[in-house]
C-alpha atoms as a PDB file:
ATOM      1  CA  MET A   1       1.159  22.688  -2.934  1.00  0.00           C
ATOM      2  CA  SER A   2       2.910  19.896  -4.784  1.00  0.00           C
ATOM      3  CA  MET A   3       4.959  18.066  -2.190  1.00  0.00           C
ATOM      4  CA  ILE A   4       4.442  14.670  -3.827  1.00  0.00           C
ATOM      5  CA  PRO A   5       7.174  13.514  -6.200  1.00  0.00           C
ATOM      6  CA  GLN A   6       5.913  12.338  -9.586  1.00  0.00           C
ATOM      7  CA  GLU A   7       7.858   9.074  -9.421  1.00  0.00           C
ATOM      8  CA  ASN A   8       5.296   7.572  -7.022  1.00  0.00           C
ATOM      9  CA  ASN A   9       5.428   4.127  -8.648  1.00  0.00           C
ATOM     10  CA  MET A  10       9.098   3.845  -7.764  1.00  0.00           C
ATOM     11  CA  GLU A  11       8.298   4.868  -4.191  1.00  0.00           C
ATOM     12  CA  ARG A  12       5.852   1.967  -3.852  1.00  0.00           C
ATOM     13  CA  SER A  13       8.700  -0.535  -3.916  1.00  0.00           C
ATOM     14  CA  LYS A  14       9.918   0.855  -0.575  1.00  0.00           C
ATOM     15  CA  PHE A  15       6.980  -0.843   1.131  1.00  0.00           C
ATOM     16  CA  PRO A  16       7.515  -4.606   1.020  1.00  0.00           C
ATOM     17  CA  PRO A  17       4.592  -6.890   1.784  1.00  0.00           C
ATOM     18  CA  THR A  18       4.459  -7.509   5.526  1.00  0.00           C
ATOM     19  CA  GLN A  19       1.151  -9.269   6.067  1.00  0.00           C
ATOM     20  CA  GLY A  20       1.769 -12.477   7.985  1.00  0.00           C
ATOM     21  CA  ARG A  21       5.552 -12.358   7.687  1.00  0.00           C
ATOM     22  CA  LYS A  22       7.157 -12.938  11.046  1.00  0.00           C
ATOM     23  CA  GLY A  23       9.914 -10.432  11.788  1.00  0.00           C
ATOM     24  CA  HIS A  24       9.030  -8.209   8.803  1.00  0.00           C
ATOM     25  CA  LYS A  25       6.413  -5.908  10.286  1.00  0.00           C
ATOM     26  CA  GLN A  26       6.261  -2.196   9.544  1.00  0.00           C
ATOM     27  CA  LYS A  27       5.660   0.390  12.275  1.00  0.00           C
ATOM     28  CA  ARG A  28       1.974   1.232  12.505  1.00  0.00           C
ATOM     29  CA  ILE A  29      -0.134   4.042  13.915  1.00  0.00           C
ATOM     30  CA  ASN A  30      -3.876   4.495  14.221  1.00  0.00           C
ATOM     31  CA  MET A  31      -4.910   7.988  13.135  1.00  0.00           C
ATOM     32  CA  ALA A  32      -8.202   9.881  13.198  1.00  0.00           C
ATOM     33  CA  TYR A  33      -9.103  12.351  10.435  1.00  0.00           C
ATOM     34  CA  THR A  34     -11.761  14.980   9.978  1.00  0.00           C
ATOM     35  CA  PRO A  35     -14.269  13.926   7.314  1.00  0.00           C
ATOM     36  CA  GLU A  36     -12.893  16.603   4.959  1.00  0.00           C
ATOM     37  CA  ASN A  37      -9.283  15.459   5.368  1.00  0.00           C
ATOM     38  CA  TYR A  38     -10.247  11.812   4.978  1.00  0.00           C
ATOM     39  CA  GLU A  39     -12.062  12.550   1.708  1.00  0.00           C
ATOM     40  CA  PHE A  40      -9.093  14.576   0.462  1.00  0.00           C
ATOM     41  CA  LEU A  41      -6.642  11.757   1.279  1.00  0.00           C
ATOM     42  CA  HIS A  42      -8.922   9.196  -0.289  1.00  0.00           C
ATOM     43  CA  ARG A  43      -9.359  11.183  -3.522  1.00  0.00           C
ATOM     44  CA  LYS A  44      -5.667  12.076  -3.900  1.00  0.00           C
ATOM     45  CA  ALA A  45      -4.533   8.504  -3.285  1.00  0.00           C
ATOM     46  CA  ARG A  46      -7.060   7.234  -5.816  1.00  0.00           C
ATOM     47  CA  MET A  47      -5.939   9.807  -8.388  1.00  0.00           C
ATOM     48  CA  LEU A  48      -2.333   8.652  -7.952  1.00  0.00           C
ATOM     49  CA  GLY A  49      -3.295   4.975  -7.977  1.00  0.00           C
ATOM     50  CA  ILE A  50      -1.811   4.293  -4.547  1.00  0.00           C
ATOM     51  CA  SER A  51      -3.157   3.509  -1.099  1.00  0.00           C
ATOM     52  CA  MET A  52      -3.864   6.171   1.503  1.00  0.00           C
ATOM     53  CA  THR A  53      -0.984   4.792   3.574  1.00  0.00           C
ATOM     54  CA  GLU A  54       1.422   5.152   0.666  1.00  0.00           C
ATOM     55  CA  TYR A  55       0.174   8.698   0.046  1.00  0.00           C
ATOM     56  CA  MET A  56       0.664   9.644   3.709  1.00  0.00           C
ATOM     57  CA  ASN A  57       4.189   8.174   3.625  1.00  0.00           C
ATOM     58  CA  LEU A  58       4.972  10.244   0.521  1.00  0.00           C
ATOM     59  CA  LEU A  59       3.723  13.399   2.267  1.00  0.00           C
ATOM     60  CA  ILE A  60       5.837  12.669   5.331  1.00  0.00           C
ATOM     61  CA  ASP A  61       8.925  11.863   3.232  1.00  0.00           C
ATOM     62  CA  ALA A  62       8.555  15.131   1.295  1.00  0.00           C
ATOM     63  CA  ALA A  63       8.091  17.178   4.482  1.00  0.00           C
ATOM     64  CA  ARG A  64      11.097  15.496   6.104  1.00  0.00           C
ATOM     65  CA  ARG A  65      13.298  16.290   3.084  1.00  0.00           C
ATOM     66  CA  GLU A  66      12.257  19.957   3.212  1.00  0.00           C
ATOM     67  CA  ASN A  67      13.340  20.301   6.849  1.00  0.00           C
END
């Protein structure tokens, strides 16, 4: 199941820094994961050299494009 595009470094630029910038905050959600899913997300994100948040956004973007 390869839903992640290979150009992940280009995708990173879609997420501007928002920490401490008034009026530039991204939407946020607090999510709970099973230990197995958390480990999977952690490993995949590490393998791609991106954060877990960026990996989840890539998954969501790919699923949205398919539908």
